[in-house]
Protein backbone atom coordinates (compact mmCIF):
# COMPACT_ATOMS: atom_id res chain seq x y z
CA MET A 1 -17.66 -38.07 58.33
CA VAL A 2 -16.40 -34.77 57.06
CA LEU A 3 -17.89 -32.64 54.26
CA TYR A 4 -15.21 -32.00 51.63
CA GLU A 5 -15.20 -29.73 48.61
CA CYS A 6 -12.77 -30.81 45.92
CA VAL A 7 -11.98 -28.14 43.32
CA LEU A 8 -10.38 -29.41 40.12
CA THR A 9 -8.73 -27.58 37.29
CA THR A 10 -8.61 -29.73 34.17
CA LYS A 11 -7.40 -29.16 30.64
CA HIS A 12 -9.88 -27.11 28.63
CA SER A 13 -9.41 -29.48 25.71
CA SER A 14 -10.41 -32.57 27.72
CA PRO A 15 -13.21 -34.60 26.14
CA TYR A 16 -16.42 -34.84 28.16
CA TYR A 17 -16.24 -38.62 28.41
CA ALA A 18 -12.85 -38.38 30.17
CA LEU A 19 -14.25 -35.92 32.73
CA THR A 20 -17.38 -38.04 33.16
CA ASN A 21 -15.29 -41.15 33.79
CA LEU A 22 -13.17 -39.24 36.31
CA MET A 23 -16.24 -38.04 38.23
CA LYS A 24 -17.73 -41.55 38.15
CA SER A 25 -14.55 -43.10 39.53
CA ILE A 26 -14.37 -40.54 42.35
CA SER A 27 -18.06 -41.00 43.15
CA TYR A 28 -17.74 -44.78 43.11
CA LYS A 29 -14.74 -44.65 45.46
CA VAL A 30 -16.62 -42.44 47.94
CA VAL A 31 -19.89 -44.41 47.86
CA GLU A 32 -18.12 -47.79 47.93
CA ASN A 33 -16.54 -46.84 51.27
CA GLY A 34 -19.69 -45.53 52.94
CA GLY A 35 -19.53 -41.87 51.91
CA ILE A 36 -22.12 -39.62 50.28
CA VAL A 37 -21.65 -37.56 47.12
CA ARG A 38 -23.68 -34.37 47.53
CA GLY A 39 -23.10 -32.82 44.13
CA VAL A 40 -20.87 -32.06 41.16
CA GLN A 41 -20.68 -28.60 39.59
CA ASN A 42 -19.07 -27.63 36.31
CA HIS A 43 -17.96 -24.01 36.51
CA GLY A 44 -16.93 -23.90 32.85
CA ILE A 45 -13.79 -22.79 31.07
CA ARG A 46 -12.01 -19.79 32.56
CA SER A 47 -8.68 -18.06 32.20
CA LEU A 48 -6.04 -19.25 34.62
CA PRO A 49 -4.17 -16.77 36.84
CA HIS A 50 -0.91 -17.93 35.26
CA ARG A 51 -0.05 -20.66 32.81
CA PHE A 52 -0.23 -24.17 34.22
CA LYS A 53 2.11 -26.94 33.19
CA ALA A 54 0.68 -30.44 32.69
CA ARG A 55 2.67 -33.51 33.66
CA TYR A 56 2.35 -34.93 30.15
CA PRO A 57 1.71 -33.24 26.78
CA ASP A 58 -1.63 -33.89 25.12
CA ILE A 59 -2.25 -35.29 21.62
CA GLU A 60 -1.43 -31.95 19.99
CA GLY A 61 1.80 -31.62 21.99
CA ASN A 62 0.53 -28.85 24.29
CA ARG A 63 1.98 -28.89 27.78
CA TYR A 64 1.25 -25.34 28.96
CA TYR A 65 -2.30 -24.06 29.42
CA LYS A 66 -3.72 -20.53 29.76
CA ASP A 67 -7.35 -21.73 30.08
CA GLY A 68 -8.82 -24.47 32.25
CA ARG A 69 -12.10 -26.08 33.12
CA PHE A 70 -13.07 -25.74 36.78
CA VAL A 71 -15.14 -28.51 38.40
CA SER A 72 -16.23 -28.92 42.05
CA ILE A 73 -17.37 -32.09 43.74
CA TYR A 74 -18.91 -32.11 47.23
CA TYR A 75 -18.86 -35.29 49.30
CA ASP A 76 -18.95 -36.64 52.86
CA SER A 77 -16.29 -39.20 53.72
CA SER A 78 -13.51 -40.11 56.10
CA PRO A 79 -10.03 -38.54 55.78
CA GLN A 80 -8.63 -41.85 54.47
CA ILE A 81 -11.07 -41.81 51.53
CA MET A 82 -10.13 -38.19 50.82
CA ARG A 83 -6.50 -39.32 50.44
CA ASP A 84 -7.64 -42.10 48.09
CA VAL A 85 -9.55 -39.53 46.00
CA GLU A 86 -6.41 -37.36 45.88
CA SER A 87 -4.43 -40.34 44.55
CA ILE A 88 -7.04 -40.88 41.81
CA LEU A 89 -6.79 -37.20 40.85
CA PHE A 90 -2.99 -37.21 40.87
CA SER A 91 -2.85 -40.20 38.52
CA ASP A 92 -5.30 -38.71 35.98
CA GLU A 93 -3.70 -37.00 32.96
CA GLU A 94 -6.53 -34.51 32.46
CA VAL A 95 -6.20 -32.88 35.91
CA LEU A 96 -3.88 -29.88 36.09
CA ARG A 97 -4.49 -28.95 39.75
CA SER A 98 -6.75 -30.10 42.54
CA THR A 99 -7.38 -29.01 46.09
CA HIS A 100 -9.53 -30.28 48.96
CA ILE A 101 -11.28 -27.95 51.38
CA LYS A 102 -13.31 -28.82 54.43
CA ALA A 103 -16.57 -27.23 53.34
CA ARG A 104 -18.48 -25.16 55.85
CA ASN A 105 -21.88 -26.38 56.78
CA LYS A 106 -24.69 -23.83 57.15
CA LEU A 107 -25.54 -25.34 60.55
CA TRP A 108 -22.22 -24.03 61.91
CA TYR A 109 -23.41 -20.41 61.78
């Protein structure tokens, strides 16, 4: 299994229950297939380096965002499960951008 760090940028106007449901669905997918979720961190709302365009407008009709909420989730899983997590993130309306990084383990130093 590989340790992954998934960094998400979501809409700053997203309700907490939508983000909670997203994190639960990712965690369930990882654990269901034999992985381990090590942690979830909310880094808060920050200014984006440039405006991001969402796939769909929100309730107010906004499609471009200058601010975003950054969230990280750390988990151990196989590469196939990482691709499944990416498909969950791609299909979610609240996610503006996401990226997966093979996290470094402190034992490697």
